[in-house]
Amino acid sequence: MAPTPDEYIQRIDRLKADMGEQGRRVAAMLDQAIEAVFARDAAACKKVIDADSVIDRVDVEVERAAVKLLGEIAREEAAISDDRLRMVLTIVKVNNELERIADGAVDIAEMRESLACFEDEIPKAFRVMANSVIGLLHSTVRSFENLDTDLARSVLASDETVDEFERVILRDAQKALSEGALDLDAAFALHAMAGRLEIINAHSCNIAEQIIYVATGAIVRHQGGHWSEPTLPE
């Protein structure tokens, strides 16, 4: 006997809940990676790296469940609303973005030795950038769980701020390098870390775009340095 539309909806809701839990897991992993690197804590960095296996396992489980669900809905020609189908497609995309963010957290944890070249405190602007990226990821996860499009738009609006942090950090590093106040290894480490954080934030923005899509059907585009939502046809 084929599942009823209500049973399909329940399975979609369970997948969404699993995705929210994965989002919180990945956000915590990034938190831990940043703290471990700033503390130069080798054991904590290894814990972050080891945690990636759980992310990878859930990533595969969610993708398989979503593909199976979509296949059953198509085969049974189930009466599922467009917004529910958009949710399944969004779950697949968000799942991929979260897995890449987790990979980024691992990359950061693996940079501990590179940052060991800093005898003094790592530049404060760098910590501000890291905290901003972490905060935006947490906002993105909450936005997904609550389908909060206003919060998703605020994440997108903050992207330029993160980019500006990266520009400031790299500009200051270049100046310090030219003045002999920073050695080449330290400058390279800052460049690599700032770049990784910017990529992680880009993944958060991709998720925010998907949240707006699943909630409204609008496909958000990044053009001319800002995001826009085309007006949907009547």
C-alpha atoms as a PDB file:
ATOM      1  CA  MET A   1       0.000   0.000   0.000  1.00  0.00           C
ATOM      2  CA  ALA A   2       1.419   3.385  -1.033  1.00  0.00           C
ATOM      3  CA  PRO A   3       2.050   5.991   1.673  1.00  0.00           C
ATOM      4  CA  THR A   4      -0.549   8.716   2.053  1.00  0.00           C
ATOM      5  CA  PRO A   5       0.298  12.386   1.355  1.00  0.00           C
ATOM      6  CA  ASP A   6       0.319  12.977   5.133  1.00  0.00           C
ATOM      7  CA  GLU A   7       2.913  10.235   5.582  1.00  0.00           C
ATOM      8  CA  TYR A   8       5.115  11.836   2.926  1.00  0.00           C
ATOM      9  CA  ILE A   9       4.776  15.187   4.692  1.00  0.00           C
ATOM     10  CA  GLN A  10       5.825  13.588   7.972  1.00  0.00           C
ATOM     11  CA  ARG A  11       8.925  12.162   6.303  1.00  0.00           C
ATOM     12  CA  ILE A  12       9.782  15.567   4.817  1.00  0.00           C
ATOM     13  CA  ASP A  13       9.396  17.148   8.256  1.00  0.00           C
ATOM     14  CA  ARG A  14      11.692  14.522   9.778  1.00  0.00           C
ATOM     15  CA  LEU A  15      14.313  15.207   7.115  1.00  0.00           C
ATOM     16  CA  LYS A  16      14.058  18.938   7.829  1.00  0.00           C
ATOM     17  CA  ALA A  17      14.532  18.263  11.551  1.00  0.00           C
ATOM     18  CA  ASP A  18      17.571  16.080  10.786  1.00  0.00           C
ATOM     19  CA  MET A  19      18.977  18.899   8.658  1.00  0.00           C
ATOM     20  CA  GLY A  20      18.484  21.408  11.468  1.00  0.00           C
ATOM     21  CA  GLU A  21      20.337  19.103  13.851  1.00  0.00           C
ATOM     22  CA  GLN A  22      23.151  18.736  11.317  1.00  0.00           C
ATOM     23  CA  GLY A  23      23.305  22.515  11.010  1.00  0.00           C
ATOM     24  CA  ARG A  24      23.709  22.942  14.768  1.00  0.00           C
ATOM     25  CA  ARG A  25      26.368  20.214  14.761  1.00  0.00           C
ATOM     26  CA  VAL A  26      28.352  21.947  11.999  1.00  0.00           C
ATOM     27  CA  ALA A  27      28.038  25.382  13.662  1.00  0.00           C
ATOM     28  CA  ALA A  28      29.366  23.936  16.921  1.00  0.00           C
ATOM     29  CA  MET A  29      32.213  22.324  14.992  1.00  0.00           C
ATOM     30  CA  LEU A  30      33.220  25.679  13.509  1.00  0.00           C
ATOM     31  CA  ASP A  31      33.021  27.278  16.970  1.00  0.00           C
ATOM     32  CA  GLN A  32      35.355  24.624  18.316  1.00  0.00           C
ATOM     33  CA  ALA A  33      37.765  24.909  15.387  1.00  0.00           C
ATOM     34  CA  ILE A  34      38.195  28.657  15.863  1.00  0.00           C
ATOM     35  CA  GLU A  35      38.658  28.358  19.627  1.00  0.00           C
ATOM     36  CA  ALA A  36      41.130  25.486  19.237  1.00  0.00           C
ATOM     37  CA  VAL A  37      43.248  27.343  16.680  1.00  0.00           C
ATOM     38  CA  PHE A  38      43.367  30.567  18.659  1.00  0.00           C
ATOM     39  CA  ALA A  39      44.359  28.589  21.767  1.00  0.00           C
ATOM     40  CA  ARG A  40      46.933  26.588  19.713  1.00  0.00           C
ATOM     41  CA  ASP A  41      45.321  23.503  21.309  1.00  0.00           C
ATOM     42  CA  ALA A  42      46.454  20.421  19.375  1.00  0.00           C
ATOM     43  CA  ALA A  43      44.098  18.028  21.166  1.00  0.00           C
ATOM     44  CA  ALA A  44      41.072  20.266  20.563  1.00  0.00           C
ATOM     45  CA  CYS A  45      42.011  20.629  16.885  1.00  0.00           C
ATOM     46  CA  LYS A  46      42.206  16.851  16.521  1.00  0.00           C
ATOM     47  CA  LYS A  47      38.756  16.557  18.125  1.00  0.00           C
ATOM     48  CA  VAL A  48      37.361  18.866  15.445  1.00  0.00           C
ATOM     49  CA  ILE A  49      39.028  16.875  12.681  1.00  0.00           C
ATOM     50  CA  ASP A  50      37.705  13.589  14.081  1.00  0.00           C
ATOM     51  CA  ALA A  51      34.167  15.028  14.337  1.00  0.00           C
ATOM     52  CA  ASP A  52      34.026  15.374  10.551  1.00  0.00           C
ATOM     53  CA  SER A  53      33.312  11.644  10.190  1.00  0.00           C
ATOM     54  CA  VAL A  54      29.907  12.147  11.859  1.00  0.00           C
ATOM     55  CA  ILE A  55      29.102  15.030   9.493  1.00  0.00           C
ATOM     56  CA  ASP A  56      30.045  12.901   6.490  1.00  0.00           C
ATOM     57  CA  ARG A  57      27.914   9.979   7.689  1.00  0.00           C
ATOM     58  CA  VAL A  58      24.829  12.132   8.232  1.00  0.00           C
ATOM     59  CA  ASP A  59      25.434  13.869   4.896  1.00  0.00           C
ATOM     60  CA  VAL A  60      25.215  10.536   3.070  1.00  0.00           C
ATOM     61  CA  GLU A  61      22.201   9.375   5.089  1.00  0.00           C
ATOM     62  CA  VAL A  62      20.227  12.557   4.412  1.00  0.00           C
ATOM     63  CA  GLU A  63      21.020  12.564   0.701  1.00  0.00           C
ATOM     64  CA  ARG A  64      19.988   8.931   0.301  1.00  0.00           C
ATOM     65  CA  ALA A  65      16.756   9.500   2.241  1.00  0.00           C
ATOM     66  CA  ALA A  66      15.898  12.577   0.175  1.00  0.00           C
ATOM     67  CA  VAL A  67      16.558  10.833  -3.146  1.00  0.00           C
ATOM     68  CA  LYS A  68      14.471   7.839  -2.056  1.00  0.00           C
ATOM     69  CA  LEU A  69      11.640  10.114  -0.962  1.00  0.00           C
ATOM     70  CA  LEU A  70      11.600  12.069  -4.216  1.00  0.00           C
ATOM     71  CA  GLY A  71      11.644   8.815  -6.185  1.00  0.00           C
ATOM     72  CA  GLU A  72       8.642   7.460  -4.274  1.00  0.00           C
ATOM     73  CA  ILE A  73       6.696  10.702  -4.676  1.00  0.00           C
ATOM     74  CA  ALA A  74       7.293  10.684  -8.432  1.00  0.00           C
ATOM     75  CA  ARG A  75       6.518   6.982  -8.815  1.00  0.00           C
ATOM     76  CA  GLU A  76       3.294   7.172  -6.811  1.00  0.00           C
ATOM     77  CA  GLU A  77       2.348  10.553  -8.301  1.00  0.00           C
ATOM     78  CA  ALA A  78       1.652  11.681  -4.748  1.00  0.00           C
ATOM     79  CA  ALA A  79      -0.284  14.901  -4.212  1.00  0.00           C
ATOM     80  CA  ILE A  80       2.495  16.903  -2.586  1.00  0.00           C
ATOM     81  CA  SER A  81       2.396  20.705  -2.660  1.00  0.00           C
ATOM     82  CA  ASP A  82       5.053  22.740  -4.444  1.00  0.00           C
ATOM     83  CA  ASP A  83       6.381  24.183  -1.199  1.00  0.00           C
ATOM     84  CA  ARG A  84       6.911  20.695   0.234  1.00  0.00           C
ATOM     85  CA  LEU A  85       8.745  19.593  -2.905  1.00  0.00           C
ATOM     86  CA  ARG A  86      10.885  22.730  -2.704  1.00  0.00           C
ATOM     87  CA  MET A  87      11.717  21.750   0.867  1.00  0.00           C
ATOM     88  CA  VAL A  88      13.094  18.357  -0.206  1.00  0.00           C
ATOM     89  CA  LEU A  89      15.194  19.980  -2.941  1.00  0.00           C
ATOM     90  CA  THR A  90      16.398  22.593  -0.456  1.00  0.00           C
ATOM     91  CA  ILE A  91      17.345  19.932   2.087  1.00  0.00           C
ATOM     92  CA  VAL A  92      19.582  18.268  -0.519  1.00  0.00           C
ATOM     93  CA  LYS A  93      21.294  21.584  -1.308  1.00  0.00           C
ATOM     94  CA  VAL A  94      21.631  22.707   2.314  1.00  0.00           C
ATOM     95  CA  ASN A  95      23.019  19.291   3.212  1.00  0.00           C
ATOM     96  CA  ASN A  96      25.810  19.789   0.668  1.00  0.00           C
ATOM     97  CA  GLU A  97      26.570  23.327   1.878  1.00  0.00           C
ATOM     98  CA  LEU A  98      26.823  22.181   5.508  1.00  0.00           C
ATOM     99  CA  GLU A  99      29.190  19.367   4.571  1.00  0.00           C
ATOM    100  CA  ARG A 100      31.458  21.906   2.875  1.00  0.00           C
ATOM    101  CA  ILE A 101      31.344  24.194   5.903  1.00  0.00           C
ATOM    102  CA  ALA A 102      32.414  21.240   8.043  1.00  0.00           C
ATOM    103  CA  ASP A 103      35.301  20.646   5.647  1.00  0.00           C
ATOM    104  CA  GLY A 104      36.223  24.297   6.126  1.00  0.00           C
ATOM    105  CA  ALA A 105      36.217  23.856   9.904  1.00  0.00           C
ATOM    106  CA  VAL A 106      38.605  20.918   9.473  1.00  0.00           C
ATOM    107  CA  ASP A 107      40.853  23.039   7.253  1.00  0.00           C
ATOM    108  CA  ILE A 108      40.955  25.717   9.956  1.00  0.00           C
ATOM    109  CA  ALA A 109      41.766  23.169  12.665  1.00  0.00           C
ATOM    110  CA  GLU A 110      44.616  21.894  10.506  1.00  0.00           C
ATOM    111  CA  MET A 111      46.070  25.428  10.350  1.00  0.00           C
ATOM    112  CA  ARG A 112      47.084  25.359  14.018  1.00  0.00           C
ATOM    113  CA  GLU A 113      50.744  24.761  13.231  1.00  0.00           C
ATOM    114  CA  SER A 114      50.757  27.545  10.628  1.00  0.00           C
ATOM    115  CA  LEU A 115      49.534  30.025  13.237  1.00  0.00           C
ATOM    116  CA  ALA A 116      52.221  28.904  15.670  1.00  0.00           C
ATOM    117  CA  CYS A 117      54.481  31.432  13.956  1.00  0.00           C
ATOM    118  CA  PHE A 118      52.641  34.177  15.862  1.00  0.00           C
ATOM    119  CA  GLU A 119      54.581  34.770  19.051  1.00  0.00           C
ATOM    120  CA  ASP A 120      52.064  37.391  20.159  1.00  0.00           C
ATOM    121  CA  GLU A 121      48.306  37.600  19.881  1.00  0.00           C
ATOM    122  CA  ILE A 122      46.727  36.996  16.485  1.00  0.00           C
ATOM    123  CA  PRO A 123      45.433  40.332  15.079  1.00  0.00           C
ATOM    124  CA  LYS A 124      42.152  41.413  16.714  1.00  0.00           C
ATOM    125  CA  ALA A 125      40.510  42.134  13.341  1.00  0.00           C
ATOM    126  CA  PHE A 126      40.972  38.485  12.507  1.00  0.00           C
ATOM    127  CA  ARG A 127      39.116  37.410  15.647  1.00  0.00           C
ATOM    128  CA  VAL A 128      36.301  39.838  14.837  1.00  0.00           C
ATOM    129  CA  MET A 129      35.995  38.339  11.357  1.00  0.00           C
ATOM    130  CA  ALA A 130      35.950  34.794  12.762  1.00  0.00           C
ATOM    131  CA  ASN A 131      33.276  35.696  15.309  1.00  0.00           C
ATOM    132  CA  SER A 132      31.175  37.351  12.592  1.00  0.00           C
ATOM    133  CA  VAL A 133      31.327  34.258  10.380  1.00  0.00           C
ATOM    134  CA  ILE A 134      30.395  32.016  13.312  1.00  0.00           C
ATOM    135  CA  GLY A 135      27.498  34.284  14.279  1.00  0.00           C
ATOM    136  CA  LEU A 136      26.166  34.375  10.726  1.00  0.00           C
ATOM    137  CA  LEU A 137      26.316  30.588  10.491  1.00  0.00           C
ATOM    138  CA  HIS A 138      24.295  30.250  13.701  1.00  0.00           C
ATOM    139  CA  SER A 139      21.767  32.751  12.305  1.00  0.00           C
ATOM    140  CA  THR A 140      21.593  30.772   9.071  1.00  0.00           C
ATOM    141  CA  VAL A 141      20.844  27.537  10.938  1.00  0.00           C
ATOM    142  CA  ARG A 142      18.100  29.225  13.001  1.00  0.00           C
ATOM    143  CA  SER A 143      16.693  30.733   9.828  1.00  0.00           C
ATOM    144  CA  PHE A 144      16.477  27.303   8.221  1.00  0.00           C
ATOM    145  CA  GLU A 145      14.844  25.685  11.229  1.00  0.00           C
ATOM    146  CA  ASN A 146      12.211  28.429  11.496  1.00  0.00           C
ATOM    147  CA  LEU A 147      12.019  29.281   7.771  1.00  0.00           C
ATOM    148  CA  ASP A 148      12.730  32.850   8.847  1.00  0.00           C
ATOM    149  CA  THR A 149      13.218  34.767   5.606  1.00  0.00           C
ATOM    150  CA  ASP A 150      13.931  38.060   7.402  1.00  0.00           C
ATOM    151  CA  LEU A 151      16.839  36.443   9.222  1.00  0.00           C
ATOM    152  CA  ALA A 152      18.019  34.861   5.947  1.00  0.00           C
ATOM    153  CA  ARG A 153      18.006  38.294   4.294  1.00  0.00           C
ATOM    154  CA  SER A 154      20.025  39.729   7.186  1.00  0.00           C
ATOM    155  CA  VAL A 155      22.657  37.027   6.612  1.00  0.00           C
ATOM    156  CA  LEU A 156      22.876  38.003   2.956  1.00  0.00           C
ATOM    157  CA  ALA A 157      23.073  41.690   3.856  1.00  0.00           C
ATOM    158  CA  SER A 158      26.043  40.983   6.163  1.00  0.00           C
ATOM    159  CA  ASP A 159      28.137  39.301   3.481  1.00  0.00           C
ATOM    160  CA  GLU A 160      29.813  42.542   2.436  1.00  0.00           C
ATOM    161  CA  THR A 161      30.850  43.167   6.056  1.00  0.00           C
ATOM    162  CA  VAL A 162      32.695  39.848   6.151  1.00  0.00           C
ATOM    163  CA  ASP A 163      34.349  40.653   2.823  1.00  0.00           C
ATOM    164  CA  GLU A 164      35.458  44.002   4.236  1.00  0.00           C
ATOM    165  CA  PHE A 165      37.004  42.289   7.272  1.00  0.00           C
ATOM    166  CA  GLU A 166      38.977  40.075   4.907  1.00  0.00           C
ATOM    167  CA  ARG A 167      40.194  43.090   2.913  1.00  0.00           C
ATOM    168  CA  VAL A 168      41.287  44.887   6.095  1.00  0.00           C
ATOM    169  CA  ILE A 169      43.140  41.835   7.412  1.00  0.00           C
ATOM    170  CA  LEU A 170      44.962  41.250   4.138  1.00  0.00           C
ATOM    171  CA  ARG A 171      45.765  44.946   3.700  1.00  0.00           C
ATOM    172  CA  ASP A 172      47.159  45.184   7.235  1.00  0.00           C
ATOM    173  CA  ALA A 173      49.145  41.979   6.744  1.00  0.00           C
ATOM    174  CA  GLN A 174      50.639  43.291   3.505  1.00  0.00           C
ATOM    175  CA  LYS A 175      51.601  46.577   5.196  1.00  0.00           C
ATOM    176  CA  ALA A 176      53.147  44.775   8.190  1.00  0.00           C
ATOM    177  CA  LEU A 177      55.027  42.459   5.843  1.00  0.00           C
ATOM    178  CA  SER A 178      56.472  45.372   3.864  1.00  0.00           C
ATOM    179  CA  GLU A 179      57.540  47.090   7.101  1.00  0.00           C
ATOM    180  CA  GLY A 180      59.200  43.961   8.457  1.00  0.00           C
ATOM    181  CA  ALA A 181      56.718  43.690  11.337  1.00  0.00           C
ATOM    182  CA  LEU A 182      55.344  40.390  10.030  1.00  0.00           C
ATOM    183  CA  ASP A 183      57.212  37.486   8.494  1.00  0.00           C
ATOM    184  CA  LEU A 184      56.159  35.722   5.308  1.00  0.00           C
ATOM    185  CA  ASP A 185      54.890  32.572   7.063  1.00  0.00           C
ATOM    186  CA  ALA A 186      52.616  34.605   9.339  1.00  0.00           C
ATOM    187  CA  ALA A 187      51.281  36.644   6.423  1.00  0.00           C
ATOM    188  CA  PHE A 188      50.560  33.482   4.461  1.00  0.00           C
ATOM    189  CA  ALA A 189      48.796  31.925   7.459  1.00  0.00           C
ATOM    190  CA  LEU A 190      46.541  34.972   7.855  1.00  0.00           C
ATOM    191  CA  HIS A 191      45.752  34.984   4.156  1.00  0.00           C
ATOM    192  CA  ALA A 192      44.853  31.285   4.166  1.00  0.00           C
ATOM    193  CA  MET A 193      42.669  31.532   7.273  1.00  0.00           C
ATOM    194  CA  ALA A 194      40.832  34.671   6.137  1.00  0.00           C
ATOM    195  CA  GLY A 195      40.182  33.064   2.763  1.00  0.00           C
ATOM    196  CA  ARG A 196      38.781  29.941   4.375  1.00  0.00           C
ATOM    197  CA  LEU A 197      36.450  31.984   6.595  1.00  0.00           C
ATOM    198  CA  GLU A 198      35.214  33.942   3.574  1.00  0.00           C
ATOM    199  CA  ILE A 199      34.418  30.684   1.765  1.00  0.00           C
ATOM    200  CA  ILE A 200      32.537  29.362   4.810  1.00  0.00           C
ATOM    201  CA  ASN A 201      30.481  32.543   4.896  1.00  0.00           C
ATOM    202  CA  ALA A 202      29.719  32.136   1.191  1.00  0.00           C
ATOM    203  CA  HIS A 203      28.248  28.714   1.981  1.00  0.00           C
ATOM    204  CA  SER A 204      26.099  30.301   4.709  1.00  0.00           C
ATOM    205  CA  CYS A 205      24.849  32.808   2.138  1.00  0.00           C
ATOM    206  CA  ASN A 206      24.033  29.979  -0.259  1.00  0.00           C
ATOM    207  CA  ILE A 207      21.908  28.388   2.453  1.00  0.00           C
ATOM    208  CA  ALA A 208      20.194  31.729   3.144  1.00  0.00           C
ATOM    209  CA  GLU A 209      19.296  31.949  -0.553  1.00  0.00           C
ATOM    210  CA  GLN A 210      17.753  28.483  -0.368  1.00  0.00           C
ATOM    211  CA  ILE A 211      15.708  29.434   2.705  1.00  0.00           C
ATOM    212  CA  ILE A 212      14.154  32.327   0.800  1.00  0.00           C
ATOM    213  CA  TYR A 213      13.534  29.994  -2.136  1.00  0.00           C
ATOM    214  CA  VAL A 214      11.801  27.301  -0.112  1.00  0.00           C
ATOM    215  CA  ALA A 215       9.655  29.818   1.774  1.00  0.00           C
ATOM    216  CA  THR A 216       8.657  32.053  -1.141  1.00  0.00           C
ATOM    217  CA  GLY A 217       9.627  30.352  -4.391  1.00  0.00           C
ATOM    218  CA  ALA A 218      11.840  33.342  -5.279  1.00  0.00           C
ATOM    219  CA  ILE A 219      15.285  32.545  -6.665  1.00  0.00           C
ATOM    220  CA  VAL A 220      17.711  35.040  -5.115  1.00  0.00           C
ATOM    221  CA  ARG A 221      20.556  36.268  -7.288  1.00  0.00           C
ATOM    222  CA  HIS A 222      23.808  37.993  -6.358  1.00  0.00           C
ATOM    223  CA  GLN A 223      24.424  40.688  -8.955  1.00  0.00           C
ATOM    224  CA  GLY A 224      26.317  43.952  -8.924  1.00  0.00           C
ATOM    225  CA  GLY A 225      27.572  43.367  -5.384  1.00  0.00           C
ATOM    226  CA  HIS A 226      24.141  42.811  -3.824  1.00  0.00           C
ATOM    227  CA  TRP A 227      21.362  40.251  -3.619  1.00  0.00           C
ATOM    228  CA  SER A 228      18.066  40.735  -5.400  1.00  0.00           C
ATOM    229  CA  GLU A 229      14.777  38.835  -5.387  1.00  0.00           C
ATOM    230  CA  PRO A 230      12.971  38.903  -8.712  1.00  0.00           C
ATOM    231  CA  THR A 231       9.238  39.513  -8.496  1.00  0.00           C
ATOM    232  CA  LEU A 232       7.311  36.299  -8.983  1.00  0.00           C
ATOM    233  CA  PRO A 233       4.695  36.269 -11.771  1.00  0.00           C
ATOM    234  CA  GLU A 234       1.075  36.517 -10.676  1.00  0.00           C
END
